[in-house]
């Protein structure tokens, strides 16, 4: 299953922006005007969601 399509629109945009920022949470923090820990939490949440999707498919 294409896991990225199972993410919300906002989560997909976050992933796209994250890739465009070369995976830099510091740059994402500046771009979104959010703290580094907030960006880390957002990323962790997306990772957890993808992991759950993978496990549910097995």
PDB file of N, CA and C in Angstrom:
ATOM      1  N   UNK A   1       0.835  -1.195   0.000  1.00  0.00           N
ATOM      2  CA  UNK A   1       0.000   0.000   0.000  1.00  0.00           C
ATOM      3  C   UNK A   1       0.872   1.247   0.000  1.00  0.00           C
ATOM      4  N   UNK A   2       0.500   2.231  -0.766  1.00  0.00           N
ATOM      5  CA  UNK A   2       1.259   3.493  -0.733  1.00  0.00           C
ATOM      6  C   UNK A   2       0.927   4.263   0.556  1.00  0.00           C
ATOM      7  N   UNK A   3       1.764   4.115   1.541  1.00  0.00           N
ATOM      8  CA  UNK A   3       1.489   4.655   2.871  1.00  0.00           C
ATOM      9  C   UNK A   3       1.340   6.171   2.884  1.00  0.00           C
ATOM     10  N   UNK A   4       2.048   6.856   2.029  1.00  0.00           N
ATOM     11  CA  UNK A   4       1.935   8.316   2.017  1.00  0.00           C
ATOM     12  C   UNK A   4       0.520   8.765   1.670  1.00  0.00           C
ATOM     13  N   UNK A   5      -0.177   7.992   0.851  1.00  0.00           N
ATOM     14  CA  UNK A   5      -1.544   8.354   0.485  1.00  0.00           C
ATOM     15  C   UNK A   5      -2.511   8.175   1.654  1.00  0.00           C
ATOM     16  N   UNK A   6      -2.126   7.377   2.639  1.00  0.00           N
ATOM     17  CA  UNK A   6      -2.971   7.166   3.809  1.00  0.00           C
ATOM     18  C   UNK A   6      -2.820   8.294   4.831  1.00  0.00           C
ATOM     19  N   UNK A   7      -1.822   9.140   4.632  1.00  0.00           N
ATOM     20  CA  UNK A   7      -1.619  10.276   5.525  1.00  0.00           C
ATOM     21  C   UNK A   7      -2.600  11.391   5.180  1.00  0.00           C
ATOM     22  N   UNK A   8      -2.868  12.234   6.158  1.00  0.00           N
ATOM     23  CA  UNK A   8      -3.736  13.388   5.910  1.00  0.00           C
ATOM     24  C   UNK A   8      -3.034  14.357   4.955  1.00  0.00           C
ATOM     25  N   UNK A   9      -3.812  15.276   4.417  1.00  0.00           N
ATOM     26  CA  UNK A   9      -3.265  16.286   3.512  1.00  0.00           C
ATOM     27  C   UNK A   9      -2.138  17.067   4.198  1.00  0.00           C
ATOM     28  N   UNK A  10      -2.347  17.469   5.448  1.00  0.00           N
ATOM     29  CA  UNK A  10      -1.326  18.221   6.190  1.00  0.00           C
ATOM     30  C   UNK A  10      -0.077  17.386   6.430  1.00  0.00           C
ATOM     31  N   UNK A  11      -0.271  16.107   6.743  1.00  0.00           N
ATOM     32  CA  UNK A  11       0.881  15.224   6.944  1.00  0.00           C
ATOM     33  C   UNK A  11       1.659  15.035   5.651  1.00  0.00           C
ATOM     34  N   UNK A  12       0.951  14.886   4.539  1.00  0.00           N
ATOM     35  CA  UNK A  12       1.617  14.762   3.241  1.00  0.00           C
ATOM     36  C   UNK A  12       2.421  16.022   2.929  1.00  0.00           C
ATOM     37  N   UNK A  13       1.837  17.182   3.205  1.00  0.00           N
ATOM     38  CA  UNK A  13       2.559  18.435   2.968  1.00  0.00           C
ATOM     39  C   UNK A  13       3.785  18.550   3.857  1.00  0.00           C
ATOM     40  N   UNK A  14       3.663  18.093   5.096  1.00  0.00           N
ATOM     41  CA  UNK A  14       4.808  18.104   6.003  1.00  0.00           C
ATOM     42  C   UNK A  14       5.942  17.253   5.433  1.00  0.00           C
ATOM     43  N   UNK A  15       5.602  16.049   4.988  1.00  0.00           N
ATOM     44  CA  UNK A  15       6.617  15.146   4.417  1.00  0.00           C
ATOM     45  C   UNK A  15       7.265  15.792   3.190  1.00  0.00           C
ATOM     46  N   UNK A  16       6.459  16.382   2.319  1.00  0.00           N
ATOM     47  CA  UNK A  16       6.992  17.032   1.127  1.00  0.00           C
ATOM     48  C   UNK A  16       7.928  18.181   1.502  1.00  0.00           C
ATOM     49  N   UNK A  17       7.505  19.025   2.422  1.00  0.00           N
ATOM     50  CA  UNK A  17       8.357  20.131   2.868  1.00  0.00           C
ATOM     51  C   UNK A  17       9.632  19.618   3.524  1.00  0.00           C
ATOM     52  N   UNK A  18       9.506  18.547   4.301  1.00  0.00           N
ATOM     53  CA  UNK A  18      10.663  17.964   4.979  1.00  0.00           C
ATOM     54  C   UNK A  18      11.698  17.483   3.962  1.00  0.00           C
ATOM     55  N   UNK A  19      11.235  16.841   2.911  1.00  0.00           N
ATOM     56  CA  UNK A  19      12.142  16.377   1.852  1.00  0.00           C
ATOM     57  C   UNK A  19      12.789  17.578   1.164  1.00  0.00           C
ATOM     58  N   UNK A  20      11.997  18.596   0.874  1.00  0.00           N
ATOM     59  CA  UNK A  20      12.534  19.803   0.226  1.00  0.00           C
ATOM     60  C   UNK A  20      13.578  20.506   1.091  1.00  0.00           C
ATOM     61  N   UNK A  21      13.456  20.363   2.400  1.00  0.00           N
ATOM     62  CA  UNK A  21      14.423  20.962   3.329  1.00  0.00           C
ATOM     63  C   UNK A  21      15.579  19.999   3.611  1.00  0.00           C
ATOM     64  N   UNK A  22      15.717  18.978   2.782  1.00  0.00           N
ATOM     65  CA  UNK A  22      16.778  17.969   2.906  1.00  0.00           C
ATOM     66  C   UNK A  22      16.754  17.267   4.258  1.00  0.00           C
ATOM     67  N   UNK A  23      15.553  17.119   4.818  1.00  0.00           N
ATOM     68  CA  UNK A  23      15.422  16.404   6.076  1.00  0.00           C
ATOM     69  C   UNK A  23      15.916  17.187   7.285  1.00  0.00           C
ATOM     70  N   UNK A  24      16.044  18.485   7.150  1.00  0.00           N
ATOM     71  CA  UNK A  24      16.534  19.304   8.260  1.00  0.00           C
ATOM     72  C   UNK A  24      15.374  19.778   9.132  1.00  0.00           C
ATOM     73  N   UNK A  25      15.335  19.270  10.349  1.00  0.00           N
ATOM     74  CA  UNK A  25      14.289  19.715  11.260  1.00  0.00           C
ATOM     75  C   UNK A  25      14.505  21.173  11.656  1.00  0.00           C
ATOM     76  N   UNK A  26      15.747  21.597  11.709  1.00  0.00           N
ATOM     77  CA  UNK A  26      16.052  22.994  12.017  1.00  0.00           C
ATOM     78  C   UNK A  26      15.457  23.910  10.939  1.00  0.00           C
ATOM     79  N   UNK A  27      15.640  23.553   9.678  1.00  0.00           N
ATOM     80  CA  UNK A  27      15.083  24.353   8.584  1.00  0.00           C
ATOM     81  C   UNK A  27      13.553  24.301   8.594  1.00  0.00           C
ATOM     82  N   UNK A  28      12.999  23.133   8.911  1.00  0.00           N
ATOM     83  CA  UNK A  28      11.540  23.017   9.008  1.00  0.00           C
ATOM     84  C   UNK A  28      11.007  23.904  10.129  1.00  0.00           C
ATOM     85  N   UNK A  29      11.736  23.953  11.217  1.00  0.00           N
ATOM     86  CA  UNK A  29      11.354  24.787  12.346  1.00  0.00           C
ATOM     87  C   UNK A  29      11.252  26.247  11.923  1.00  0.00           C
ATOM     88  N   UNK A  30      12.241  26.698  11.169  1.00  0.00           N
ATOM     89  CA  UNK A  30      12.226  28.086  10.683  1.00  0.00           C
ATOM     90  C   UNK A  30      11.105  28.297   9.666  1.00  0.00           C
ATOM     91  N   UNK A  31      10.948  27.361   8.751  1.00  0.00           N
ATOM     92  CA  UNK A  31       9.934  27.490   7.702  1.00  0.00           C
ATOM     93  C   UNK A  31       8.530  27.577   8.274  1.00  0.00           C
ATOM     94  N   UNK A  32       8.234  26.714   9.253  1.00  0.00           N
ATOM     95  CA  UNK A  32       6.891  26.656   9.825  1.00  0.00           C
ATOM     96  C   UNK A  32       6.723  27.541  11.060  1.00  0.00           C
ATOM     97  N   UNK A  33       7.829  28.182  11.467  1.00  0.00           N
ATOM     98  CA  UNK A  33       7.820  29.051  12.652  1.00  0.00           C
ATOM     99  C   UNK A  33       7.324  28.293  13.894  1.00  0.00           C
ATOM    100  N   UNK A  34       7.846  27.074  14.039  1.00  0.00           N
ATOM    101  CA  UNK A  34       7.529  26.225  15.176  1.00  0.00           C
ATOM    102  C   UNK A  34       8.832  25.804  15.843  1.00  0.00           C
ATOM    103  N   UNK A  35       8.745  25.396  17.091  1.00  0.00           N
ATOM    104  CA  UNK A  35       9.947  24.968  17.799  1.00  0.00           C
ATOM    105  C   UNK A  35      10.455  23.630  17.245  1.00  0.00           C
ATOM    106  N   UNK A  36      11.735  23.410  17.446  1.00  0.00           N
ATOM    107  CA  UNK A  36      12.352  22.148  17.023  1.00  0.00           C
ATOM    108  C   UNK A  36      11.637  20.952  17.658  1.00  0.00           C
ATOM    109  N   UNK A  37      11.347  20.982  18.983  1.00  0.00           N
ATOM    110  CA  UNK A  37      10.640  19.835  19.570  1.00  0.00           C
ATOM    111  C   UNK A  37       9.256  19.603  18.952  1.00  0.00           C
ATOM    112  N   UNK A  38       8.570  20.663  18.555  1.00  0.00           N
ATOM    113  CA  UNK A  38       7.275  20.509  17.907  1.00  0.00           C
ATOM    114  C   UNK A  38       7.427  19.804  16.565  1.00  0.00           C
ATOM    115  N   UNK A  39       8.434  20.190  15.802  1.00  0.00           N
ATOM    116  CA  UNK A  39       8.712  19.544  14.510  1.00  0.00           C
ATOM    117  C   UNK A  39       9.060  18.077  14.741  1.00  0.00           C
ATOM    118  N   UNK A  40       9.871  17.809  15.759  1.00  0.00           N
ATOM    119  CA  UNK A  40      10.248  16.425  16.089  1.00  0.00           C
ATOM    120  C   UNK A  40       9.009  15.605  16.419  1.00  0.00           C
ATOM    121  N   UNK A  41       8.108  16.172  17.209  1.00  0.00           N
ATOM    122  CA  UNK A  41       6.870  15.474  17.571  1.00  0.00           C
ATOM    123  C   UNK A  41       5.995  15.214  16.349  1.00  0.00           C
ATOM    124  N   UNK A  42       5.910  16.178  15.461  1.00  0.00           N
ATOM    125  CA  UNK A  42       5.122  16.001  14.235  1.00  0.00           C
ATOM    126  C   UNK A  42       5.700  14.864  13.405  1.00  0.00           C
ATOM    127  N   UNK A  43       7.010  14.859  13.260  1.00  0.00           N
ATOM    128  CA  UNK A  43       7.667  13.809  12.486  1.00  0.00           C
ATOM    129  C   UNK A  43       7.488  12.444  13.153  1.00  0.00           C
ATOM    130  N   UNK A  44       7.654  12.395  14.466  1.00  0.00           N
ATOM    131  CA  UNK A  44       7.464  11.132  15.189  1.00  0.00           C
ATOM    132  C   UNK A  44       6.047  10.600  15.008  1.00  0.00           C
ATOM    133  N   UNK A  45       5.075  11.489  15.018  1.00  0.00           N
ATOM    134  CA  UNK A  45       3.686  11.101  14.831  1.00  0.00           C
ATOM    135  C   UNK A  45       3.456  10.479  13.454  1.00  0.00           C
ATOM    136  N   UNK A  46       4.045  11.079  12.439  1.00  0.00           N
ATOM    137  CA  UNK A  46       3.923  10.548  11.073  1.00  0.00           C
ATOM    138  C   UNK A  46       4.618   9.194  10.967  1.00  0.00           C
ATOM    139  N   UNK A  47       5.781   9.077  11.552  1.00  0.00           N
ATOM    140  CA  UNK A  47       6.513   7.808  11.536  1.00  0.00           C
ATOM    141  C   UNK A  47       5.698   6.719  12.222  1.00  0.00           C
ATOM    142  N   UNK A  48       5.111   7.051  13.372  1.00  0.00           N
ATOM    143  CA  UNK A  48       4.289   6.088  14.105  1.00  0.00           C
ATOM    144  C   UNK A  48       3.078   5.649  13.271  1.00  0.00           C
ATOM    145  N   UNK A  49       2.462   6.584  12.599  1.00  0.00           N
ATOM    146  CA  UNK A  49       1.306   6.270  11.762  1.00  0.00           C
ATOM    147  C   UNK A  49       1.697   5.326  10.618  1.00  0.00           C
ATOM    148  N   UNK A  50       2.813   5.595   9.981  1.00  0.00           N
ATOM    149  CA  UNK A  50       3.288   4.741   8.884  1.00  0.00           C
ATOM    150  C   UNK A  50       3.622   3.346   9.411  1.00  0.00           C
ATOM    151  N   UNK A  51       4.275   3.286  10.571  1.00  0.00           N
ATOM    152  CA  UNK A  51       4.611   1.983  11.162  1.00  0.00           C
ATOM    153  C   UNK A  51       3.355   1.172  11.454  1.00  0.00           C
ATOM    154  N   UNK A  52       2.320   1.810  11.968  1.00  0.00           N
ATOM    155  CA  UNK A  52       1.058   1.121  12.255  1.00  0.00           C
ATOM    156  C   UNK A  52       0.423   0.613  10.969  1.00  0.00           C
ATOM    157  N   UNK A  53       0.477   1.409   9.921  1.00  0.00           N
ATOM    158  CA  UNK A  53      -0.073   0.988   8.637  1.00  0.00           C
ATOM    159  C   UNK A  53       0.664  -0.237   8.103  1.00  0.00           C
ATOM    160  N   UNK A  54       1.976  -0.213   8.239  1.00  0.00           N
ATOM    161  CA  UNK A  54       2.779  -1.361   7.781  1.00  0.00           C
ATOM    162  C   UNK A  54       2.422  -2.621   8.555  1.00  0.00           C
ATOM    163  N   UNK A  55       2.289  -2.498   9.872  1.00  0.00           N
ATOM    164  CA  UNK A  55       1.984  -3.660  10.707  1.00  0.00           C
ATOM    165  C   UNK A  55       0.591  -4.201  10.431  1.00  0.00           C
ATOM    166  N   UNK A  56      -0.345  -3.308  10.173  1.00  0.00           N
ATOM    167  CA  UNK A  56      -1.723  -3.758   9.925  1.00  0.00           C
ATOM    168  C   UNK A  56      -1.860  -4.472   8.579  1.00  0.00           C
ATOM    169  N   UNK A  57      -0.905  -4.265   7.698  1.00  0.00           N
ATOM    170  CA  UNK A  57      -0.949  -4.889   6.381  1.00  0.00           C
ATOM    171  C   UNK A  57      -0.358  -6.300   6.406  1.00  0.00           C
ATOM    172  N   UNK A  58       0.398  -6.621   7.418  1.00  0.00           N
ATOM    173  CA  UNK A  58       1.055  -7.931   7.498  1.00  0.00           C
ATOM    174  C   UNK A  58       0.126  -8.990   8.011  1.00  0.00           C
TER     175      UNK A  58
END
